Amino acid sequence: MPRVFSVDEFDRRARELVEAVGGGGETVVIQVDQKPLAILTSHQSAVAMASMVDLPRWEEWIEEMRETFPEAAARLGRMRERAKESPQVDKSLLGFDPSAGMVGSDDGREFLGLELRRLGVPITDEPLLAALYTGVLDLCEDKERLYEEDIRVLAQELLAEAPQRLRLLSLTVSSSTGLPATAEVTLELGQGQGPAMRREHGDGPLDAAFNAIEKLTGLRAEVENFSVIAATKGRDAMAEAMIELSLAGTTVVGAGASTNAIEAGVHAYLNALNFLVEAGATETAAGASS
């Protein structure tokens, strides 16, 4: 459990507490008016958590915070539940209304294209959009209710499997305390370009991997939001990553999964980049590999 101190207490015992954190791996929480203000933890622990390599330890640390600040944890829980809620989609707008003898229409397909762009998963490739529309109609038939998240997930999965897209072939990362992280990324660049490899440094393994991908693809996208959660339990937990990227006025959402949190983040990043390419975002980074 972390040790909790007021600002005044921390001021009086600062040296003692800093030495305890540095030498014993303890975590100290500083609070004002019974509310958390700051967390003091060792550099090694911070690097490990920021790099998200050890998901079980990250979850353990978060659980300690929940126990220390149950009220804040409850608010986070409510936010998480709201995030899981997804608006329902009117099937008839998608051209699915069996009672009227309609299972698919040009208007429904057009509506799907507009919805995909609004949800941050634009698809403009006609054969790919046709395949997705068929999949959505199947979902309409199989599910009593269809939700926006159903469409988003189906689009992300279909684009990840489509040929001629950015695809991760291999990833190697290394990091040491006090030194920049390094990532070596090999991608299938698609469009007849074949595989390419790049090694780059970064503030952490994931940042290094993103830097390498930026150099390989020439796409200088801005990371707006990023999250990784453990989707399963255990030390070999499956990590699920979600990322929101923006480029040239277009914002997209990508998803990825792996037993390795860094790899999950890279899959999500590439998934989002593929949507940016689909949307026609072309702002590039200097020094891109050809």
C-alpha atoms as a PDB file:
ATOM      1  CA  MET A   1       0.000   0.000   0.000  1.00  0.00           C
ATOM      2  CA  PRO A   2       1.294   3.521  -0.760  1.00  0.00           C
ATOM      3  CA  ARG A   3       2.066   5.835   2.163  1.00  0.00           C
ATOM      4  CA  VAL A   4      -0.057   9.003   2.231  1.00  0.00           C
ATOM      5  CA  PHE A   5       1.158  12.360   3.540  1.00  0.00           C
ATOM      6  CA  SER A   6      -0.070  15.930   3.532  1.00  0.00           C
ATOM      7  CA  VAL A   7       2.042  18.616   1.847  1.00  0.00           C
ATOM      8  CA  ASP A   8       3.189  19.899   5.257  1.00  0.00           C
ATOM      9  CA  GLU A   9       4.175  16.390   6.387  1.00  0.00           C
ATOM     10  CA  PHE A  10       6.060  15.831   3.161  1.00  0.00           C
ATOM     11  CA  ASP A  11       7.853  19.156   3.592  1.00  0.00           C
ATOM     12  CA  ARG A  12       9.091  18.081   7.029  1.00  0.00           C
ATOM     13  CA  ARG A  13      10.086  14.556   5.985  1.00  0.00           C
ATOM     14  CA  ALA A  14      11.059  15.059   2.345  1.00  0.00           C
ATOM     15  CA  ARG A  15      14.589  13.621   2.549  1.00  0.00           C
ATOM     16  CA  GLU A  16      13.436  10.594   4.540  1.00  0.00           C
ATOM     17  CA  LEU A  17      10.615   9.849   2.119  1.00  0.00           C
ATOM     18  CA  VAL A  18      12.719  10.341  -1.014  1.00  0.00           C
ATOM     19  CA  GLU A  19      15.319   7.934   0.364  1.00  0.00           C
ATOM     20  CA  ALA A  20      12.576   5.399   1.203  1.00  0.00           C
ATOM     21  CA  VAL A  21      11.206   5.618  -2.320  1.00  0.00           C
ATOM     22  CA  GLY A  22      14.628   5.373  -3.946  1.00  0.00           C
ATOM     23  CA  GLY A  23      15.965   2.630  -1.724  1.00  0.00           C
ATOM     24  CA  GLY A  24      12.979   0.495  -0.858  1.00  0.00           C
ATOM     25  CA  GLY A  25      10.720   0.862  -3.881  1.00  0.00           C
ATOM     26  CA  GLU A  26       7.930   2.438  -1.817  1.00  0.00           C
ATOM     27  CA  THR A  27       5.280   4.738  -3.290  1.00  0.00           C
ATOM     28  CA  VAL A  28       4.332   7.987  -1.561  1.00  0.00           C
ATOM     29  CA  VAL A  29       1.124   9.900  -2.253  1.00  0.00           C
ATOM     30  CA  ILE A  30       1.005  13.605  -1.389  1.00  0.00           C
ATOM     31  CA  GLN A  31      -2.449  15.053  -0.793  1.00  0.00           C
ATOM     32  CA  VAL A  32      -4.119  18.391  -0.121  1.00  0.00           C
ATOM     33  CA  ASP A  33      -7.457  18.565   1.731  1.00  0.00           C
ATOM     34  CA  GLN A  34      -7.715  14.774   1.638  1.00  0.00           C
ATOM     35  CA  LYS A  35      -7.362  14.760  -2.156  1.00  0.00           C
ATOM     36  CA  PRO A  36      -4.383  13.276  -4.032  1.00  0.00           C
ATOM     37  CA  LEU A  37      -2.032  15.918  -5.445  1.00  0.00           C
ATOM     38  CA  ALA A  38       1.048  13.985  -6.553  1.00  0.00           C
ATOM     39  CA  ILE A  39       2.625  10.535  -6.491  1.00  0.00           C
ATOM     40  CA  LEU A  40       6.281   9.954  -5.695  1.00  0.00           C
ATOM     41  CA  THR A  41       7.703   6.682  -6.969  1.00  0.00           C
ATOM     42  CA  SER A  42      11.119   5.408  -7.981  1.00  0.00           C
ATOM     43  CA  HIS A  43      12.454   6.085 -11.472  1.00  0.00           C
ATOM     44  CA  GLN A  44      12.687   2.372 -12.150  1.00  0.00           C
ATOM     45  CA  SER A  45       9.042   1.831 -11.214  1.00  0.00           C
ATOM     46  CA  ALA A  46       7.923   4.809 -13.285  1.00  0.00           C
ATOM     47  CA  VAL A  47       9.823   3.583 -16.355  1.00  0.00           C
ATOM     48  CA  ALA A  48       8.383   0.103 -15.972  1.00  0.00           C
ATOM     49  CA  MET A  49       4.843   1.415 -15.689  1.00  0.00           C
ATOM     50  CA  ALA A  50       5.195   3.980 -18.459  1.00  0.00           C
ATOM     51  CA  SER A  51       6.609   1.409 -20.850  1.00  0.00           C
ATOM     52  CA  MET A  52       3.634  -0.858 -20.044  1.00  0.00           C
ATOM     53  CA  VAL A  53       5.767  -3.988 -20.418  1.00  0.00           C
ATOM     54  CA  ASP A  54       4.610  -5.550 -17.146  1.00  0.00           C
ATOM     55  CA  LEU A  55       0.832  -5.324 -17.272  1.00  0.00           C
ATOM     56  CA  PRO A  56       0.217  -7.420 -14.131  1.00  0.00           C
ATOM     57  CA  ARG A  57       2.457  -5.079 -12.055  1.00  0.00           C
ATOM     58  CA  TRP A  58       0.702  -2.081 -13.581  1.00  0.00           C
ATOM     59  CA  GLU A  59      -2.659  -3.540 -12.564  1.00  0.00           C
ATOM     60  CA  GLU A  60      -1.335  -4.242  -9.055  1.00  0.00           C
ATOM     61  CA  TRP A  61      -0.213  -0.626  -8.715  1.00  0.00           C
ATOM     62  CA  ILE A  62      -3.561   0.674  -9.965  1.00  0.00           C
ATOM     63  CA  GLU A  63      -5.340  -1.588  -7.463  1.00  0.00           C
ATOM     64  CA  GLU A  64      -3.260  -0.077  -4.665  1.00  0.00           C
ATOM     65  CA  MET A  65      -4.390   3.381  -5.779  1.00  0.00           C
ATOM     66  CA  ARG A  66      -8.014   2.195  -5.799  1.00  0.00           C
ATOM     67  CA  GLU A  67      -7.718   0.955  -2.221  1.00  0.00           C
ATOM     68  CA  THR A  68      -6.119   4.191  -1.087  1.00  0.00           C
ATOM     69  CA  PHE A  69      -8.634   6.483  -2.825  1.00  0.00           C
ATOM     70  CA  PRO A  70     -11.903   4.537  -3.142  1.00  0.00           C
ATOM     71  CA  GLU A  71     -13.952   7.643  -3.997  1.00  0.00           C
ATOM     72  CA  ALA A  72     -11.708   8.517  -6.947  1.00  0.00           C
ATOM     73  CA  ALA A  73     -11.745   4.873  -8.030  1.00  0.00           C
ATOM     74  CA  ALA A  74     -15.539   4.889  -8.020  1.00  0.00           C
ATOM     75  CA  ARG A  75     -15.563   7.926 -10.307  1.00  0.00           C
ATOM     76  CA  LEU A  76     -13.146   6.188 -12.664  1.00  0.00           C
ATOM     77  CA  GLY A  77     -15.375   3.121 -12.634  1.00  0.00           C
ATOM     78  CA  ARG A  78     -18.401   5.179 -13.629  1.00  0.00           C
ATOM     79  CA  MET A  79     -16.427   6.824 -16.423  1.00  0.00           C
ATOM     80  CA  ARG A  80     -15.313   3.401 -17.671  1.00  0.00           C
ATOM     81  CA  GLU A  81     -18.870   2.110 -17.700  1.00  0.00           C
ATOM     82  CA  ARG A  82     -20.060   5.138 -19.662  1.00  0.00           C
ATOM     83  CA  ALA A  83     -17.245   4.564 -22.156  1.00  0.00           C
ATOM     84  CA  LYS A  84     -18.532   1.032 -22.717  1.00  0.00           C
ATOM     85  CA  GLU A  85     -21.963   2.329 -23.685  1.00  0.00           C
ATOM     86  CA  SER A  86     -22.435   2.580 -27.427  1.00  0.00           C
ATOM     87  CA  PRO A  87     -25.394   4.189 -29.216  1.00  0.00           C
ATOM     88  CA  GLN A  88     -27.719   1.859 -31.063  1.00  0.00           C
ATOM     89  CA  VAL A  89     -27.886   2.107 -34.856  1.00  0.00           C
ATOM     90  CA  ASP A  90     -31.187   2.182 -36.726  1.00  0.00           C
ATOM     91  CA  LYS A  91     -30.925  -0.837 -39.025  1.00  0.00           C
ATOM     92  CA  SER A  92     -33.339   0.647 -41.539  1.00  0.00           C
ATOM     93  CA  LEU A  93     -30.889   3.503 -42.194  1.00  0.00           C
ATOM     94  CA  LEU A  94     -28.393   0.816 -43.198  1.00  0.00           C
ATOM     95  CA  GLY A  95     -30.878  -0.590 -45.681  1.00  0.00           C
ATOM     96  CA  PHE A  96     -31.941  -3.509 -43.507  1.00  0.00           C
ATOM     97  CA  ASP A  97     -35.702  -3.825 -43.068  1.00  0.00           C
ATOM     98  CA  PRO A  98     -36.891  -7.397 -43.823  1.00  0.00           C
ATOM     99  CA  SER A  99     -40.503  -6.512 -43.000  1.00  0.00           C
ATOM    100  CA  ALA A 100     -40.429  -4.126 -45.965  1.00  0.00           C
ATOM    101  CA  GLY A 101     -38.562  -6.623 -48.120  1.00  0.00           C
ATOM    102  CA  MET A 102     -35.298  -4.657 -47.946  1.00  0.00           C
ATOM    103  CA  VAL A 103     -31.960  -6.293 -47.169  1.00  0.00           C
ATOM    104  CA  GLY A 104     -29.368  -3.884 -48.488  1.00  0.00           C
ATOM    105  CA  SER A 105     -29.628  -0.691 -50.542  1.00  0.00           C
ATOM    106  CA  ASP A 106     -27.492   1.989 -52.137  1.00  0.00           C
ATOM    107  CA  ASP A 107     -28.740   4.496 -49.555  1.00  0.00           C
ATOM    108  CA  GLY A 108     -27.834   2.077 -46.758  1.00  0.00           C
ATOM    109  CA  ARG A 109     -24.323   1.648 -48.089  1.00  0.00           C
ATOM    110  CA  GLU A 110     -23.930   5.415 -48.429  1.00  0.00           C
ATOM    111  CA  PHE A 111     -25.119   5.851 -44.844  1.00  0.00           C
ATOM    112  CA  LEU A 112     -22.530   3.296 -43.706  1.00  0.00           C
ATOM    113  CA  GLY A 113     -19.762   5.271 -45.413  1.00  0.00           C
ATOM    114  CA  LEU A 114     -20.818   8.433 -43.603  1.00  0.00           C
ATOM    115  CA  GLU A 115     -21.046   6.605 -40.269  1.00  0.00           C
ATOM    116  CA  LEU A 116     -17.556   5.138 -40.704  1.00  0.00           C
ATOM    117  CA  ARG A 117     -16.069   8.583 -41.184  1.00  0.00           C
ATOM    118  CA  ARG A 118     -17.964   9.943 -38.164  1.00  0.00           C
ATOM    119  CA  LEU A 119     -16.747   7.025 -36.014  1.00  0.00           C
ATOM    120  CA  GLY A 120     -13.123   7.647 -36.994  1.00  0.00           C
ATOM    121  CA  VAL A 121     -12.753   4.529 -39.169  1.00  0.00           C
ATOM    122  CA  PRO A 122     -13.184   5.858 -42.731  1.00  0.00           C
ATOM    123  CA  ILE A 123     -13.087   3.400 -45.622  1.00  0.00           C
ATOM    124  CA  THR A 124     -13.090   4.717 -49.189  1.00  0.00           C
ATOM    125  CA  ASP A 125     -11.838   1.656 -51.066  1.00  0.00           C
ATOM    126  CA  GLU A 126     -14.952   0.411 -52.901  1.00  0.00           C
ATOM    127  CA  PRO A 127     -14.290  -3.368 -52.725  1.00  0.00           C
ATOM    128  CA  LEU A 128     -13.394  -3.051 -49.043  1.00  0.00           C
ATOM    129  CA  LEU A 129     -16.486  -0.957 -48.323  1.00  0.00           C
ATOM    130  CA  ALA A 130     -18.629  -3.509 -50.168  1.00  0.00           C
ATOM    131  CA  ALA A 131     -17.178  -6.344 -48.076  1.00  0.00           C
ATOM    132  CA  LEU A 132     -17.785  -4.352 -44.893  1.00  0.00           C
ATOM    133  CA  TYR A 133     -21.357  -3.575 -45.896  1.00  0.00           C
ATOM    134  CA  THR A 134     -22.013  -7.272 -46.427  1.00  0.00           C
ATOM    135  CA  GLY A 135     -20.586  -7.963 -42.969  1.00  0.00           C
ATOM    136  CA  VAL A 136     -22.761  -5.248 -41.411  1.00  0.00           C
ATOM    137  CA  LEU A 137     -25.881  -6.684 -43.042  1.00  0.00           C
ATOM    138  CA  ASP A 138     -24.945 -10.091 -41.612  1.00  0.00           C
ATOM    139  CA  LEU A 139     -24.690  -8.488 -38.176  1.00  0.00           C
ATOM    140  CA  CYS A 140     -28.097  -6.872 -38.668  1.00  0.00           C
ATOM    141  CA  GLU A 141     -29.540 -10.305 -39.321  1.00  0.00           C
ATOM    142  CA  ASP A 142     -27.707 -12.039 -36.473  1.00  0.00           C
ATOM    143  CA  LYS A 143     -28.145  -9.405 -33.754  1.00  0.00           C
ATOM    144  CA  GLU A 144     -31.383  -8.066 -32.343  1.00  0.00           C
ATOM    145  CA  ARG A 145     -29.719  -4.711 -31.749  1.00  0.00           C
ATOM    146  CA  LEU A 146     -26.794  -3.215 -33.651  1.00  0.00           C
ATOM    147  CA  TYR A 147     -24.465  -0.706 -31.984  1.00  0.00           C
ATOM    148  CA  GLU A 148     -21.943   1.787 -33.302  1.00  0.00           C
ATOM    149  CA  GLU A 149     -19.140  -0.147 -31.608  1.00  0.00           C
ATOM    150  CA  ASP A 150     -20.136  -3.259 -33.619  1.00  0.00           C
ATOM    151  CA  ILE A 151     -19.541  -1.339 -36.838  1.00  0.00           C
ATOM    152  CA  ARG A 152     -16.284   0.196 -35.615  1.00  0.00           C
ATOM    153  CA  VAL A 153     -14.819  -3.158 -34.521  1.00  0.00           C
ATOM    154  CA  LEU A 154     -15.835  -4.865 -37.764  1.00  0.00           C
ATOM    155  CA  ALA A 155     -14.214  -2.081 -39.802  1.00  0.00           C
ATOM    156  CA  GLN A 156     -10.982  -2.275 -37.781  1.00  0.00           C
ATOM    157  CA  GLU A 157     -10.768  -6.058 -38.157  1.00  0.00           C
ATOM    158  CA  LEU A 158     -11.498  -5.974 -41.883  1.00  0.00           C
ATOM    159  CA  LEU A 159      -8.963  -3.256 -42.612  1.00  0.00           C
ATOM    160  CA  ALA A 160      -6.291  -5.059 -40.578  1.00  0.00           C
ATOM    161  CA  GLU A 161      -6.795  -8.187 -42.702  1.00  0.00           C
ATOM    162  CA  ALA A 162      -6.949  -6.394 -46.056  1.00  0.00           C
ATOM    163  CA  PRO A 163      -3.983  -6.766 -48.444  1.00  0.00           C
ATOM    164  CA  GLN A 164      -1.901  -3.821 -49.626  1.00  0.00           C
ATOM    165  CA  ARG A 165      -1.983  -2.212 -46.185  1.00  0.00           C
ATOM    166  CA  LEU A 166       0.638  -1.378 -43.551  1.00  0.00           C
ATOM    167  CA  ARG A 167       1.354  -4.518 -41.547  1.00  0.00           C
ATOM    168  CA  LEU A 168       3.783  -5.336 -38.718  1.00  0.00           C
ATOM    169  CA  LEU A 169       6.279  -8.067 -39.601  1.00  0.00           C
ATOM    170  CA  SER A 170       8.594  -7.861 -36.583  1.00  0.00           C
ATOM    171  CA  LEU A 171       9.255  -5.694 -33.538  1.00  0.00           C
ATOM    172  CA  THR A 172      12.224  -5.632 -31.169  1.00  0.00           C
ATOM    173  CA  VAL A 173      12.457  -3.115 -28.318  1.00  0.00           C
ATOM    174  CA  SER A 174      15.036  -2.493 -25.598  1.00  0.00           C
ATOM    175  CA  SER A 175      15.189  -0.033 -22.708  1.00  0.00           C
ATOM    176  CA  SER A 176      17.469   0.613 -19.737  1.00  0.00           C
ATOM    177  CA  THR A 177      17.085   2.976 -16.806  1.00  0.00           C
ATOM    178  CA  GLY A 178      18.514   6.381 -17.656  1.00  0.00           C
ATOM    179  CA  LEU A 179      18.939   5.620 -21.372  1.00  0.00           C
ATOM    180  CA  PRO A 180      16.662   6.235 -24.368  1.00  0.00           C
ATOM    181  CA  ALA A 181      14.621   3.242 -25.474  1.00  0.00           C
ATOM    182  CA  THR A 182      15.305   1.661 -28.861  1.00  0.00           C
ATOM    183  CA  ALA A 183      12.859  -0.005 -31.239  1.00  0.00           C
ATOM    184  CA  GLU A 184      13.562  -1.917 -34.425  1.00  0.00           C
ATOM    185  CA  VAL A 185      10.444  -2.189 -36.570  1.00  0.00           C
ATOM    186  CA  THR A 186       9.956  -4.112 -39.808  1.00  0.00           C
ATOM    187  CA  LEU A 187       6.806  -3.342 -41.775  1.00  0.00           C
ATOM    188  CA  GLU A 188       5.085  -4.592 -44.879  1.00  0.00           C
ATOM    189  CA  LEU A 189       4.507  -1.237 -46.559  1.00  0.00           C
ATOM    190  CA  GLY A 190       2.001  -2.469 -49.133  1.00  0.00           C
ATOM    191  CA  GLN A 191       1.309  -0.899 -52.516  1.00  0.00           C
ATOM    192  CA  GLY A 192       4.070  -3.056 -54.004  1.00  0.00           C
ATOM    193  CA  GLN A 193       6.807  -1.535 -51.812  1.00  0.00           C
ATOM    194  CA  GLY A 194       7.562  -4.741 -49.877  1.00  0.00           C
ATOM    195  CA  PRO A 195       9.098  -4.933 -46.393  1.00  0.00           C
ATOM    196  CA  ALA A 196      11.296  -2.252 -44.789  1.00  0.00           C
ATOM    197  CA  MET A 197      13.091  -1.958 -41.454  1.00  0.00           C
ATOM    198  CA  ARG A 198      13.962   1.056 -39.293  1.00  0.00           C
ATOM    199  CA  ARG A 199      15.615   1.472 -35.881  1.00  0.00           C
ATOM    200  CA  GLU A 200      14.837   4.580 -33.812  1.00  0.00           C
ATOM    201  CA  HIS A 201      15.163   5.915 -30.260  1.00  0.00           C
ATOM    202  CA  GLY A 202      12.416   7.363 -28.072  1.00  0.00           C
ATOM    203  CA  ASP A 203      11.354   8.345 -24.557  1.00  0.00           C
ATOM    204  CA  GLY A 204      10.040   4.798 -24.076  1.00  0.00           C
ATOM    205  CA  PRO A 205       9.704   1.598 -26.120  1.00  0.00           C
ATOM    206  CA  LEU A 206       6.362   2.626 -27.587  1.00  0.00           C
ATOM    207  CA  ASP A 207       7.548   6.124 -28.461  1.00  0.00           C
ATOM    208  CA  ALA A 208      10.616   4.622 -30.151  1.00  0.00           C
ATOM    209  CA  ALA A 209       8.419   2.231 -32.148  1.00  0.00           C
ATOM    210  CA  PHE A 210       6.119   5.067 -33.236  1.00  0.00           C
ATOM    211  CA  ASN A 211       9.160   7.107 -34.313  1.00  0.00           C
ATOM    212  CA  ALA A 212      10.418   4.203 -36.425  1.00  0.00           C
ATOM    213  CA  ILE A 213       7.010   3.759 -38.054  1.00  0.00           C
ATOM    214  CA  GLU A 214       6.816   7.479 -38.786  1.00  0.00           C
ATOM    215  CA  LYS A 215      10.152   7.299 -40.603  1.00  0.00           C
ATOM    216  CA  LEU A 216       9.130   4.182 -42.531  1.00  0.00           C
ATOM    217  CA  THR A 217       5.744   5.462 -43.653  1.00  0.00           C
ATOM    218  CA  GLY A 218       6.378   9.182 -43.916  1.00  0.00           C
ATOM    219  CA  LEU A 219       3.128   9.838 -42.044  1.00  0.00           C
ATOM    220  CA  ARG A 220       3.528  12.395 -39.249  1.00  0.00           C
ATOM    221  CA  ALA A 221       0.359  11.698 -37.286  1.00  0.00           C
ATOM    222  CA  GLU A 222      -0.444  13.306 -33.930  1.00  0.00           C
ATOM    223  CA  VAL A 223      -1.406  10.977 -31.079  1.00  0.00           C
ATOM    224  CA  GLU A 224      -4.521  12.485 -29.528  1.00  0.00           C
ATOM    225  CA  ASN A 225      -5.462   9.668 -27.125  1.00  0.00           C
ATOM    226  CA  PHE A 226      -3.953   6.317 -26.247  1.00  0.00           C
ATOM    227  CA  SER A 227      -4.855   3.574 -23.794  1.00  0.00           C
ATOM    228  CA  VAL A 228      -3.911  -0.024 -23.066  1.00  0.00           C
ATOM    229  CA  ILE A 229      -5.905  -2.366 -20.844  1.00  0.00           C
ATOM    230  CA  ALA A 230      -5.451  -5.974 -19.784  1.00  0.00           C
ATOM    231  CA  ALA A 231      -8.311  -7.835 -21.481  1.00  0.00           C
ATOM    232  CA  THR A 232      -7.585 -11.103 -19.666  1.00  0.00           C
ATOM    233  CA  LYS A 233      -6.094 -12.101 -16.316  1.00  0.00           C
ATOM    234  CA  GLY A 234      -2.704 -13.585 -15.465  1.00  0.00           C
ATOM    235  CA  ARG A 235       0.902 -12.756 -16.209  1.00  0.00           C
ATOM    236  CA  ASP A 236       0.326 -13.599 -19.870  1.00  0.00           C
ATOM    237  CA  ALA A 237      -2.649 -11.221 -20.024  1.00  0.00           C
ATOM    238  CA  MET A 238      -3.904 -10.215 -23.445  1.00  0.00           C
ATOM    239  CA  ALA A 239      -3.458  -6.466 -23.882  1.00  0.00           C
ATOM    240  CA  GLU A 240      -5.910  -4.399 -25.911  1.00  0.00           C
ATOM    241  CA  ALA A 241      -4.821  -0.992 -27.176  1.00  0.00           C
ATOM    242  CA  MET A 242      -6.883   1.885 -28.536  1.00  0.00           C
ATOM    243  CA  ILE A 243      -5.373   4.951 -30.172  1.00  0.00           C
ATOM    244  CA  GLU A 244      -6.729   8.129 -31.713  1.00  0.00           C
ATOM    245  CA  LEU A 245      -4.589   9.806 -34.389  1.00  0.00           C
ATOM    246  CA  SER A 246      -5.060  13.037 -36.296  1.00  0.00           C
ATOM    247  CA  LEU A 247      -3.424  14.138 -39.521  1.00  0.00           C
ATOM    248  CA  ALA A 248      -4.269  16.886 -42.000  1.00  0.00           C
ATOM    249  CA  GLY A 249      -7.622  17.566 -40.355  1.00  0.00           C
ATOM    250  CA  THR A 250      -8.661  13.909 -40.207  1.00  0.00           C
ATOM    251  CA  THR A 251      -9.085  12.027 -36.911  1.00  0.00           C
ATOM    252  CA  VAL A 252      -9.232   8.235 -36.807  1.00  0.00           C
ATOM    253  CA  VAL A 253      -9.339   5.461 -34.217  1.00  0.00           C
ATOM    254  CA  GLY A 254      -7.242   2.285 -34.324  1.00  0.00           C
ATOM    255  CA  ALA A 255      -7.246  -0.870 -32.214  1.00  0.00           C
ATOM    256  CA  GLY A 256      -4.805  -3.711 -31.632  1.00  0.00           C
ATOM    257  CA  ALA A 257      -4.296  -6.700 -29.340  1.00  0.00           C
ATOM    258  CA  SER A 258      -1.372  -8.862 -28.243  1.00  0.00           C
ATOM    259  CA  THR A 259       0.023 -10.589 -25.156  1.00  0.00           C
ATOM    260  CA  ASN A 260       2.728  -7.881 -25.322  1.00  0.00           C
ATOM    261  CA  ALA A 261       1.466  -4.389 -24.468  1.00  0.00           C
ATOM    262  CA  ILE A 262       4.010  -2.627 -26.699  1.00  0.00           C
ATOM    263  CA  GLU A 263       3.087  -4.812 -29.664  1.00  0.00           C
ATOM    264  CA  ALA A 264      -0.614  -4.189 -29.017  1.00  0.00           C
ATOM    265  CA  GLY A 265       0.079  -0.452 -29.145  1.00  0.00           C
ATOM    266  CA  VAL A 266       1.990  -0.810 -32.418  1.00  0.00           C
ATOM    267  CA  HIS A 267      -0.839  -2.837 -33.985  1.00  0.00           C
ATOM    268  CA  ALA A 268      -3.316  -0.128 -32.927  1.00  0.00           C
ATOM    269  CA  TYR A 269      -1.045   2.599 -34.337  1.00  0.00           C
ATOM    270  CA  LEU A 270      -0.761   0.832 -37.700  1.00  0.00           C
ATOM    271  CA  ASN A 271      -4.490   0.157 -37.750  1.00  0.00           C
ATOM    272  CA  ALA A 272      -5.127   3.882 -37.299  1.00  0.00           C
ATOM    273  CA  LEU A 273      -2.524   4.802 -39.945  1.00  0.00           C
ATOM    274  CA  ASN A 274      -4.287   2.519 -42.419  1.00  0.00           C
ATOM    275  CA  PHE A 275      -7.497   4.455 -41.808  1.00  0.00           C
ATOM    276  CA  LEU A 276      -5.615   7.729 -42.378  1.00  0.00           C
ATOM    277  CA  VAL A 277      -4.364   6.376 -45.706  1.00  0.00           C
ATOM    278  CA  GLU A 278      -7.932   5.329 -46.544  1.00  0.00           C
ATOM    279  CA  ALA A 279      -9.118   8.848 -45.738  1.00  0.00           C
ATOM    280  CA  GLY A 280      -6.464  10.343 -48.012  1.00  0.00           C
ATOM    281  CA  ALA A 281      -4.450  12.123 -45.303  1.00  0.00           C
ATOM    282  CA  THR A 282      -1.070  12.802 -46.936  1.00  0.00           C
ATOM    283  CA  GLU A 283       0.932  15.109 -44.658  1.00  0.00           C
ATOM    284  CA  THR A 284       4.349  13.440 -44.438  1.00  0.00           C
ATOM    285  CA  ALA A 285       7.409  13.455 -42.211  1.00  0.00           C
ATOM    286  CA  ALA A 286      10.848  14.434 -43.448  1.00  0.00           C
ATOM    287  CA  GLY A 287      13.315  11.587 -43.895  1.00  0.00           C
ATOM    288  CA  ALA A 288      10.753   8.899 -44.663  1.00  0.00           C
ATOM    289  CA  SER A 289      12.050   5.633 -46.048  1.00  0.00           C
ATOM    290  CA  SER A 290      11.206   4.928 -49.629  1.00  0.00           C
END
